Amino acid sequence: MRILQELVILIKNLYLSRRYGARRLLSELPDIGWKLGSIDSLLKSIRKTDTVVWQPGIDRLRSSRSSGRPCAQSGGQAKKAPISS
């Protein structure tokens, strides 16, 4: 885990200081064994948060977070439309 953390910090440093992209990082560090998409998602996370520390819910939209209740806005109960005759 320590090696992975140091590698992520190295990638962040190369991205921010020397403006390396995902393809350049793969060519400079071929022995890391990562795919292009993995590095892209790491760089996207760095762009959004400017950190490499994992935070819960950081990549999800606000609308996709749940508060633990089945229906947070209506208090868990579905409202029925009035019956008109």
PDB file of N, CA and C in Angstrom:
ATOM      1  N   MET A   1       0.827  -1.195   0.000  1.00  0.00           N
ATOM      2  CA  MET A   1       0.000   0.000   0.000  1.00  0.00           C
ATOM      3  C   MET A   1       0.867   1.253   0.000  1.00  0.00           C
ATOM      4  N   ARG A   2       1.985   1.176   0.694  1.00  0.00           N
ATOM      5  CA  ARG A   2       2.889   2.328   0.752  1.00  0.00           C
ATOM      6  C   ARG A   2       3.479   2.637  -0.623  1.00  0.00           C
ATOM      7  N   ILE A   3       3.812   1.573  -1.376  1.00  0.00           N
ATOM      8  CA  ILE A   3       4.380   1.769  -2.713  1.00  0.00           C
ATOM      9  C   ILE A   3       3.344   2.412  -3.629  1.00  0.00           C
ATOM     10  N   LEU A   4       2.098   1.964  -3.542  1.00  0.00           N
ATOM     11  CA  LEU A   4       1.033   2.539  -4.355  1.00  0.00           C
ATOM     12  C   LEU A   4       0.831   4.009  -4.021  1.00  0.00           C
ATOM     13  N   GLN A   5       0.856   4.343  -2.741  1.00  0.00           N
ATOM     14  CA  GLN A   5       0.675   5.730  -2.325  1.00  0.00           C
ATOM     15  C   GLN A   5       1.823   6.609  -2.846  1.00  0.00           C
ATOM     16  N   GLU A   6       3.043   6.101  -2.795  1.00  0.00           N
ATOM     17  CA  GLU A   6       4.184   6.859  -3.315  1.00  0.00           C
ATOM     18  C   GLU A   6       4.096   7.021  -4.827  1.00  0.00           C
ATOM     19  N   LEU A   7       3.605   5.988  -5.518  1.00  0.00           N
ATOM     20  CA  LEU A   7       3.441   6.068  -6.963  1.00  0.00           C
ATOM     21  C   LEU A   7       2.394   7.108  -7.347  1.00  0.00           C
ATOM     22  N   VAL A   8       1.303   7.150  -6.610  1.00  0.00           N
ATOM     23  CA  VAL A   8       0.250   8.133  -6.880  1.00  0.00           C
ATOM     24  C   VAL A   8       0.770   9.544  -6.638  1.00  0.00           C
ATOM     25  N   ILE A   9       1.569   9.726  -5.611  1.00  0.00           N
ATOM     26  CA  ILE A   9       2.151  11.044  -5.333  1.00  0.00           C
ATOM     27  C   ILE A   9       3.132  11.429  -6.440  1.00  0.00           C
ATOM     28  N   LEU A  10       3.906  10.461  -6.951  1.00  0.00           N
ATOM     29  CA  LEU A  10       4.808  10.732  -8.061  1.00  0.00           C
ATOM     30  C   LEU A  10       4.035  11.139  -9.311  1.00  0.00           C
ATOM     31  N   ILE A  11       2.942  10.448  -9.602  1.00  0.00           N
ATOM     32  CA  ILE A  11       2.113  10.785 -10.762  1.00  0.00           C
ATOM     33  C   ILE A  11       1.530  12.184 -10.600  1.00  0.00           C
ATOM     34  N   LYS A  12       1.063  12.507  -9.404  1.00  0.00           N
ATOM     35  CA  LYS A  12       0.508  13.843  -9.157  1.00  0.00           C
ATOM     36  C   LYS A  12       1.577  14.912  -9.364  1.00  0.00           C
ATOM     37  N   ASN A  13       2.784  14.650  -8.882  1.00  0.00           N
ATOM     38  CA  ASN A  13       3.869  15.612  -9.023  1.00  0.00           C
ATOM     39  C   ASN A  13       4.230  15.822 -10.493  1.00  0.00           C
ATOM     40  N   LEU A  14       4.334  14.729 -11.255  1.00  0.00           N
ATOM     41  CA  LEU A  14       4.660  14.860 -12.680  1.00  0.00           C
ATOM     42  C   LEU A  14       3.540  15.561 -13.436  1.00  0.00           C
ATOM     43  N   TYR A  15       2.302  15.307 -13.052  1.00  0.00           N
ATOM     44  CA  TYR A  15       1.173  15.938 -13.732  1.00  0.00           C
ATOM     45  C   TYR A  15       1.128  17.440 -13.449  1.00  0.00           C
ATOM     46  N   LEU A  16       1.295  17.828 -12.192  1.00  0.00           N
ATOM     47  CA  LEU A  16       1.170  19.241 -11.830  1.00  0.00           C
ATOM     48  C   LEU A  16       2.406  20.064 -12.182  1.00  0.00           C
ATOM     49  N   SER A  17       3.587  19.510 -11.999  1.00  0.00           N
ATOM     50  CA  SER A  17       4.784  20.318 -12.226  1.00  0.00           C
ATOM     51  C   SER A  17       5.251  20.297 -13.680  1.00  0.00           C
ATOM     52  N   ARG A  18       5.191  19.131 -14.327  1.00  0.00           N
ATOM     53  CA  ARG A  18       5.686  19.035 -15.698  1.00  0.00           C
ATOM     54  C   ARG A  18       4.584  18.875 -16.731  1.00  0.00           C
ATOM     55  N   ARG A  19       3.329  18.868 -16.290  1.00  0.00           N
ATOM     56  CA  ARG A  19       2.163  18.783 -17.173  1.00  0.00           C
ATOM     57  C   ARG A  19       2.150  17.511 -18.013  1.00  0.00           C
ATOM     58  N   TYR A  20       2.560  16.387 -17.415  1.00  0.00           N
ATOM     59  CA  TYR A  20       2.506  15.103 -18.114  1.00  0.00           C
ATOM     60  C   TYR A  20       1.056  14.656 -18.207  1.00  0.00           C
ATOM     61  N   GLY A  21       0.689  14.102 -19.337  1.00  0.00           N
ATOM     62  CA  GLY A  21      -0.627  13.522 -19.520  1.00  0.00           C
ATOM     63  C   GLY A  21      -0.582  12.029 -19.244  1.00  0.00           C
ATOM     64  N   ALA A  22      -1.714  11.370 -19.444  1.00  0.00           N
ATOM     65  CA  ALA A  22      -1.802   9.945 -19.149  1.00  0.00           C
ATOM     66  C   ALA A  22      -0.901   9.124 -20.070  1.00  0.00           C
ATOM     67  N   ARG A  23      -0.885   9.449 -21.353  1.00  0.00           N
ATOM     68  CA  ARG A  23      -0.045   8.705 -22.299  1.00  0.00           C
ATOM     69  C   ARG A  23       1.443   8.906 -22.013  1.00  0.00           C
ATOM     70  N   ARG A  24       1.815  10.111 -21.680  1.00  0.00           N
ATOM     71  CA  ARG A  24       3.226  10.386 -21.374  1.00  0.00           C
ATOM     72  C   ARG A  24       3.637   9.673 -20.092  1.00  0.00           C
ATOM     73  N   LEU A  25       2.738   9.623 -19.097  1.00  0.00           N
ATOM     74  CA  LEU A  25       3.043   8.914 -17.865  1.00  0.00           C
ATOM     75  C   LEU A  25       3.224   7.419 -18.120  1.00  0.00           C
ATOM     76  N   LEU A  26       2.392   6.851 -19.005  1.00  0.00           N
ATOM     77  CA  LEU A  26       2.545   5.436 -19.336  1.00  0.00           C
ATOM     78  C   LEU A  26       3.872   5.169 -20.045  1.00  0.00           C
ATOM     79  N   SER A  27       4.301   6.079 -20.899  1.00  0.00           N
ATOM     80  CA  SER A  27       5.568   5.865 -21.595  1.00  0.00           C
ATOM     81  C   SER A  27       6.765   6.096 -20.671  1.00  0.00           C
ATOM     82  N   GLU A  28       6.642   7.012 -19.718  1.00  0.00           N
ATOM     83  CA  GLU A  28       7.745   7.277 -18.788  1.00  0.00           C
ATOM     84  C   GLU A  28       7.840   6.213 -17.692  1.00  0.00           C
ATOM     85  N   LEU A  29       6.714   5.658 -17.292  1.00  0.00           N
ATOM     86  CA  LEU A  29       6.667   4.656 -16.218  1.00  0.00           C
ATOM     87  C   LEU A  29       6.023   3.368 -16.736  1.00  0.00           C
ATOM     88  N   PRO A  30       6.692   2.622 -17.618  1.00  0.00           N
ATOM     89  CA  PRO A  30       6.053   1.446 -18.211  1.00  0.00           C
ATOM     90  C   PRO A  30       5.904   0.273 -17.245  1.00  0.00           C
ATOM     91  N   ASP A  31       6.678   0.247 -16.182  1.00  0.00           N
ATOM     92  CA  ASP A  31       6.655  -0.902 -15.282  1.00  0.00           C
ATOM     93  C   ASP A  31       5.583  -0.812 -14.189  1.00  0.00           C
ATOM     94  N   ILE A  32       4.741   0.226 -14.194  1.00  0.00           N
ATOM     95  CA  ILE A  32       3.725   0.332 -13.145  1.00  0.00           C
ATOM     96  C   ILE A  32       2.564  -0.608 -13.396  1.00  0.00           C
ATOM     97  N   GLY A  33       2.322  -0.971 -14.668  1.00  0.00           N
ATOM     98  CA  GLY A  33       1.283  -1.943 -14.976  1.00  0.00           C
ATOM     99  C   GLY A  33      -0.126  -1.390 -14.923  1.00  0.00           C
ATOM    100  N   TRP A  34      -0.286  -0.095 -15.058  1.00  0.00           N
ATOM    101  CA  TRP A  34      -1.610   0.520 -15.045  1.00  0.00           C
ATOM    102  C   TRP A  34      -2.120   0.674 -16.465  1.00  0.00           C
ATOM    103  N   LYS A  35      -3.431   0.750 -16.590  1.00  0.00           N
ATOM    104  CA  LYS A  35      -4.037   1.001 -17.890  1.00  0.00           C
ATOM    105  C   LYS A  35      -4.243   2.501 -18.068  1.00  0.00           C
ATOM    106  N   LEU A  36      -4.461   2.891 -19.312  1.00  0.00           N
ATOM    107  CA  LEU A  36      -4.636   4.302 -19.628  1.00  0.00           C
ATOM    108  C   LEU A  36      -5.856   4.882 -18.908  1.00  0.00           C
ATOM    109  N   GLY A  37      -6.929   4.116 -18.835  1.00  0.00           N
ATOM    110  CA  GLY A  37      -8.143   4.588 -18.163  1.00  0.00           C
ATOM    111  C   GLY A  37      -7.948   4.803 -16.675  1.00  0.00           C
ATOM    112  N   SER A  38      -7.128   3.971 -16.041  1.00  0.00           N
ATOM    113  CA  SER A  38      -6.854   4.136 -14.609  1.00  0.00           C
ATOM    114  C   SER A  38      -6.108   5.437 -14.341  1.00  0.00           C
ATOM    115  N   ILE A  39      -5.145   5.732 -15.181  1.00  0.00           N
ATOM    116  CA  ILE A  39      -4.391   6.976 -15.011  1.00  0.00           C
ATOM    117  C   ILE A  39      -5.273   8.170 -15.341  1.00  0.00           C
ATOM    118  N   ASP A  40      -6.124   8.035 -16.364  1.00  0.00           N
ATOM    119  CA  ASP A  40      -7.059   9.115 -16.694  1.00  0.00           C
ATOM    120  C   ASP A  40      -7.978   9.438 -15.528  1.00  0.00           C
ATOM    121  N   SER A  41      -8.514   8.402 -14.877  1.00  0.00           N
ATOM    122  CA  SER A  41      -9.418   8.664 -13.754  1.00  0.00           C
ATOM    123  C   SER A  41      -8.679   9.260 -12.565  1.00  0.00           C
ATOM    124  N   LEU A  42      -7.423   8.857 -12.353  1.00  0.00           N
ATOM    125  CA  LEU A  42      -6.622   9.462 -11.282  1.00  0.00           C
ATOM    126  C   LEU A  42      -6.347  10.935 -11.581  1.00  0.00           C
ATOM    127  N   LEU A  43      -6.004  11.252 -12.832  1.00  0.00           N
ATOM    128  CA  LEU A  43      -5.750  12.644 -13.199  1.00  0.00           C
ATOM    129  C   LEU A  43      -7.026  13.471 -13.125  1.00  0.00           C
ATOM    130  N   LYS A  44      -8.157  12.876 -13.453  1.00  0.00           N
ATOM    131  CA  LYS A  44      -9.431  13.576 -13.329  1.00  0.00           C
ATOM    132  C   LYS A  44      -9.723  13.906 -11.870  1.00  0.00           C
ATOM    133  N   SER A  45      -9.439  12.959 -10.985  1.00  0.00           N
ATOM    134  CA  SER A  45      -9.632  13.200  -9.553  1.00  0.00           C
ATOM    135  C   SER A  45      -8.697  14.296  -9.051  1.00  0.00           C
ATOM    136  N   ILE A  46      -7.471  14.317  -9.550  1.00  0.00           N
ATOM    137  CA  ILE A  46      -6.517  15.363  -9.162  1.00  0.00           C
ATOM    138  C   ILE A  46      -6.999  16.722  -9.652  1.00  0.00           C
ATOM    139  N   ARG A  47      -7.533  16.766 -10.891  1.00  0.00           N
ATOM    140  CA  ARG A  47      -8.041  18.036 -11.420  1.00  0.00           C
ATOM    141  C   ARG A  47      -9.217  18.546 -10.605  1.00  0.00           C
ATOM    142  N   LYS A  48     -10.116  17.645 -10.181  1.00  0.00           N
ATOM    143  CA  LYS A  48     -11.316  18.072  -9.458  1.00  0.00           C
ATOM    144  C   LYS A  48     -11.019  18.509  -8.032  1.00  0.00           C
ATOM    145  N   THR A  49     -10.165  17.755  -7.343  1.00  0.00           N
ATOM    146  CA  THR A  49      -9.980  17.993  -5.914  1.00  0.00           C
ATOM    147  C   THR A  49      -8.609  18.528  -5.546  1.00  0.00           C
ATOM    148  N   ASP A  50      -7.646  18.462  -6.478  1.00  0.00           N
ATOM    149  CA  ASP A  50      -6.263  18.871  -6.238  1.00  0.00           C
ATOM    150  C   ASP A  50      -5.622  18.074  -5.105  1.00  0.00           C
ATOM    151  N   THR A  51      -6.078  16.849  -4.909  1.00  0.00           N
ATOM    152  CA  THR A  51      -5.500  15.974  -3.901  1.00  0.00           C
ATOM    153  C   THR A  51      -5.575  14.542  -4.390  1.00  0.00           C
ATOM    154  N   VAL A  52      -4.793  13.659  -3.793  1.00  0.00           N
ATOM    155  CA  VAL A  52      -4.840  12.249  -4.140  1.00  0.00           C
ATOM    156  C   VAL A  52      -5.383  11.416  -2.987  1.00  0.00           C
ATOM    157  N   VAL A  53      -5.860  12.068  -1.958  1.00  0.00           N
ATOM    158  CA  VAL A  53      -6.421  11.380  -0.807  1.00  0.00           C
ATOM    159  C   VAL A  53      -7.840  10.942  -1.145  1.00  0.00           C
ATOM    160  N   TRP A  54      -8.146   9.678  -0.877  1.00  0.00           N
ATOM    161  CA  TRP A  54      -9.480   9.166  -1.168  1.00  0.00           C
ATOM    162  C   TRP A  54     -10.487   9.770  -0.202  1.00  0.00           C
ATOM    163  N   GLN A  55     -11.569  10.298  -0.748  1.00  0.00           N
ATOM    164  CA  GLN A  55     -12.646  10.861   0.061  1.00  0.00           C
ATOM    165  C   GLN A  55     -13.945  10.200  -0.371  1.00  0.00           C
ATOM    166  N   PRO A  56     -14.768   9.745   0.563  1.00  0.00           N
ATOM    167  CA  PRO A  56     -15.999   9.067   0.167  1.00  0.00           C
ATOM    168  C   PRO A  56     -16.947  10.008  -0.559  1.00  0.00           C
ATOM    169  N   GLY A  57     -17.466   9.540  -1.689  1.00  0.00           N
ATOM    170  CA  GLY A  57     -18.448  10.299  -2.436  1.00  0.00           C
ATOM    171  C   GLY A  57     -17.894  11.406  -3.292  1.00  0.00           C
ATOM    172  N   ILE A  58     -16.586  11.477  -3.487  1.00  0.00           N
ATOM    173  CA  ILE A  58     -16.005  12.604  -4.205  1.00  0.00           C
ATOM    174  C   ILE A  58     -16.286  12.521  -5.702  1.00  0.00           C
ATOM    175  N   ASP A  59     -16.396  11.320  -6.263  1.00  0.00           N
ATOM    176  CA  ASP A  59     -16.613  11.186  -7.702  1.00  0.00           C
ATOM    177  C   ASP A  59     -18.083  11.090  -8.079  1.00  0.00           C
ATOM    178  N   ARG A  60     -18.958  10.963  -7.087  1.00  0.00           N
ATOM    179  CA  ARG A  60     -20.381  10.844  -7.392  1.00  0.00           C
ATOM    180  C   ARG A  60     -21.031  12.215  -7.437  1.00  0.00           C
ATOM    181  N   LEU A  61     -22.072  12.316  -8.203  1.00  0.00           N
ATOM    182  CA  LEU A  61     -22.835  13.561  -8.237  1.00  0.00           C
ATOM    183  C   LEU A  61     -23.591  13.736  -6.933  1.00  0.00           C
ATOM    184  N   ARG A  62     -23.953  14.957  -6.602  1.00  0.00           N
ATOM    185  CA  ARG A  62     -24.691  15.190  -5.365  1.00  0.00           C
ATOM    186  C   ARG A  62     -26.040  14.492  -5.378  1.00  0.00           C
ATOM    187  N   SER A  63     -26.649  14.392  -6.541  1.00  0.00           N
ATOM    188  CA  SER A  63     -27.966  13.775  -6.612  1.00  0.00           C
ATOM    189  C   SER A  63     -27.908  12.273  -6.395  1.00  0.00           C
ATOM    190  N   SER A  64     -26.734  11.656  -6.542  1.00  0.00           N
ATOM    191  CA  SER A  64     -26.656  10.216  -6.372  1.00  0.00           C
ATOM    192  C   SER A  64     -26.338   9.814  -4.943  1.00  0.00           C
ATOM    193  N   ARG A  65     -26.028  10.757  -4.101  1.00  0.00           N
ATOM    194  CA  ARG A  65     -25.787  10.423  -2.690  1.00  0.00           C
ATOM    195  C   ARG A  65     -27.112  10.204  -1.999  1.00  0.00           C
ATOM    196  N   SER A  66     -27.140   9.258  -1.093  1.00  0.00           N
ATOM    197  CA  SER A  66     -28.378   9.010  -0.365  1.00  0.00           C
ATOM    198  C   SER A  66     -28.177   9.350   1.102  1.00  0.00           C
ATOM    199  N   SER A  67     -29.244   9.701   1.753  1.00  0.00           N
ATOM    200  CA  SER A  67     -29.156  10.047   3.166  1.00  0.00           C
ATOM    201  C   SER A  67     -29.470   8.851   4.049  1.00  0.00           C
ATOM    202  N   GLY A  68     -29.677   7.701   3.439  1.00  0.00           N
ATOM    203  CA  GLY A  68     -29.959   6.514   4.223  1.00  0.00           C
ATOM    204  C   GLY A  68     -31.430   6.185   4.277  1.00  0.00           C
ATOM    205  N   ARG A  69     -32.287   7.140   3.967  1.00  0.00           N
ATOM    206  CA  ARG A  69     -33.729   6.896   3.949  1.00  0.00           C
ATOM    207  C   ARG A  69     -34.161   6.515   2.537  1.00  0.00           C
ATOM    208  N   PRO A  70     -35.246   5.752   2.399  1.00  0.00           N
ATOM    209  CA  PRO A  70     -35.679   5.343   1.070  1.00  0.00           C
ATOM    210  C   PRO A  70     -36.055   6.511   0.169  1.00  0.00           C
ATOM    211  N   CYS A  71     -36.747   7.483   0.703  1.00  0.00           N
ATOM    212  CA  CYS A  71     -37.143   8.645  -0.086  1.00  0.00           C
ATOM    213  C   CYS A  71     -36.922   9.865   0.793  1.00  0.00           C
ATOM    214  N   ALA A  72     -35.785  10.510   0.631  1.00  0.00           N
ATOM    215  CA  ALA A  72     -35.373  11.564   1.556  1.00  0.00           C
ATOM    216  C   ALA A  72     -36.260  12.802   1.491  1.00  0.00           C
ATOM    217  N   GLN A  73     -36.828  13.121   0.331  1.00  0.00           N
ATOM    218  CA  GLN A  73     -37.575  14.358   0.206  1.00  0.00           C
ATOM    219  C   GLN A  73     -38.984  14.247   0.769  1.00  0.00           C
ATOM    220  N   SER A  74     -39.606  13.110   0.626  1.00  0.00           N
ATOM    221  CA  SER A  74     -40.986  12.995   1.097  1.00  0.00           C
ATOM    222  C   SER A  74     -41.082  12.274   2.431  1.00  0.00           C
ATOM    223  N   GLY A  75     -39.961  12.053   3.091  1.00  0.00           N
ATOM    224  CA  GLY A  75     -39.996  11.418   4.399  1.00  0.00           C
ATOM    225  C   GLY A  75     -40.247   9.921   4.332  1.00  0.00           C
ATOM    226  N   GLY A  76     -40.050   9.312   3.183  1.00  0.00           N
ATOM    227  CA  GLY A  76     -40.193   7.878   3.056  1.00  0.00           C
ATOM    228  C   GLY A  76     -41.595   7.441   2.674  1.00  0.00           C
ATOM    229  N   GLN A  77     -42.521   8.359   2.529  1.00  0.00           N
ATOM    230  CA  GLN A  77     -43.884   8.003   2.177  1.00  0.00           C
ATOM    231  C   GLN A  77     -44.225   8.606   0.821  1.00  0.00           C
ATOM    232  N   ALA A  78     -44.823   7.788  -0.018  1.00  0.00           N
ATOM    233  CA  ALA A  78     -45.227   8.274  -1.332  1.00  0.00           C
ATOM    234  C   ALA A  78     -46.554   9.026  -1.205  1.00  0.00           C
ATOM    235  N   LYS A  79     -46.671  10.148  -1.887  1.00  0.00           N
ATOM    236  CA  LYS A  79     -47.887  10.929  -1.842  1.00  0.00           C
ATOM    237  C   LYS A  79     -48.812  10.490  -2.964  1.00  0.00           C
ATOM    238  N   LYS A  80     -50.079  10.336  -2.650  1.00  0.00           N
ATOM    239  CA  LYS A  80     -51.058   9.914  -3.645  1.00  0.00           C
ATOM    240  C   LYS A  80     -51.803  11.144  -4.167  1.00  0.00           C
ATOM    241  N   ALA A  81     -52.143  11.078  -5.417  1.00  0.00           N
ATOM    242  CA  ALA A  81     -52.905  12.153  -6.023  1.00  0.00           C
ATOM    243  C   ALA A  81     -54.370  12.062  -5.553  1.00  0.00           C
ATOM    244  N   PRO A  82     -55.009  13.196  -5.314  1.00  0.00           N
ATOM    245  CA  PRO A  82     -56.412  13.148  -4.875  1.00  0.00           C
ATOM    246  C   PRO A  82     -57.301  12.603  -5.990  1.00  0.00           C
ATOM    247  N   ILE A  83     -58.316  11.835  -5.581  1.00  0.00           N
ATOM    248  CA  ILE A  83     -59.249  11.258  -6.534  1.00  0.00           C
ATOM    249  C   ILE A  83     -60.356  12.277  -6.786  1.00  0.00           C
ATOM    250  N   SER A  84     -60.541  12.629  -8.050  1.00  0.00           N
ATOM    251  CA  SER A  84     -61.587  13.587  -8.385  1.00  0.00           C
ATOM    252  C   SER A  84     -62.725  12.843  -9.066  1.00  0.00           C
ATOM    253  N   SER A  85     -63.973  13.264  -8.782  1.00  0.00           N
ATOM    254  CA  SER A  85     -65.112  12.574  -9.411  1.00  0.00           C
ATOM    255  C   SER A  85     -65.916  13.476 -10.271  1.00  0.00           C
TER     256      SER A  85
END
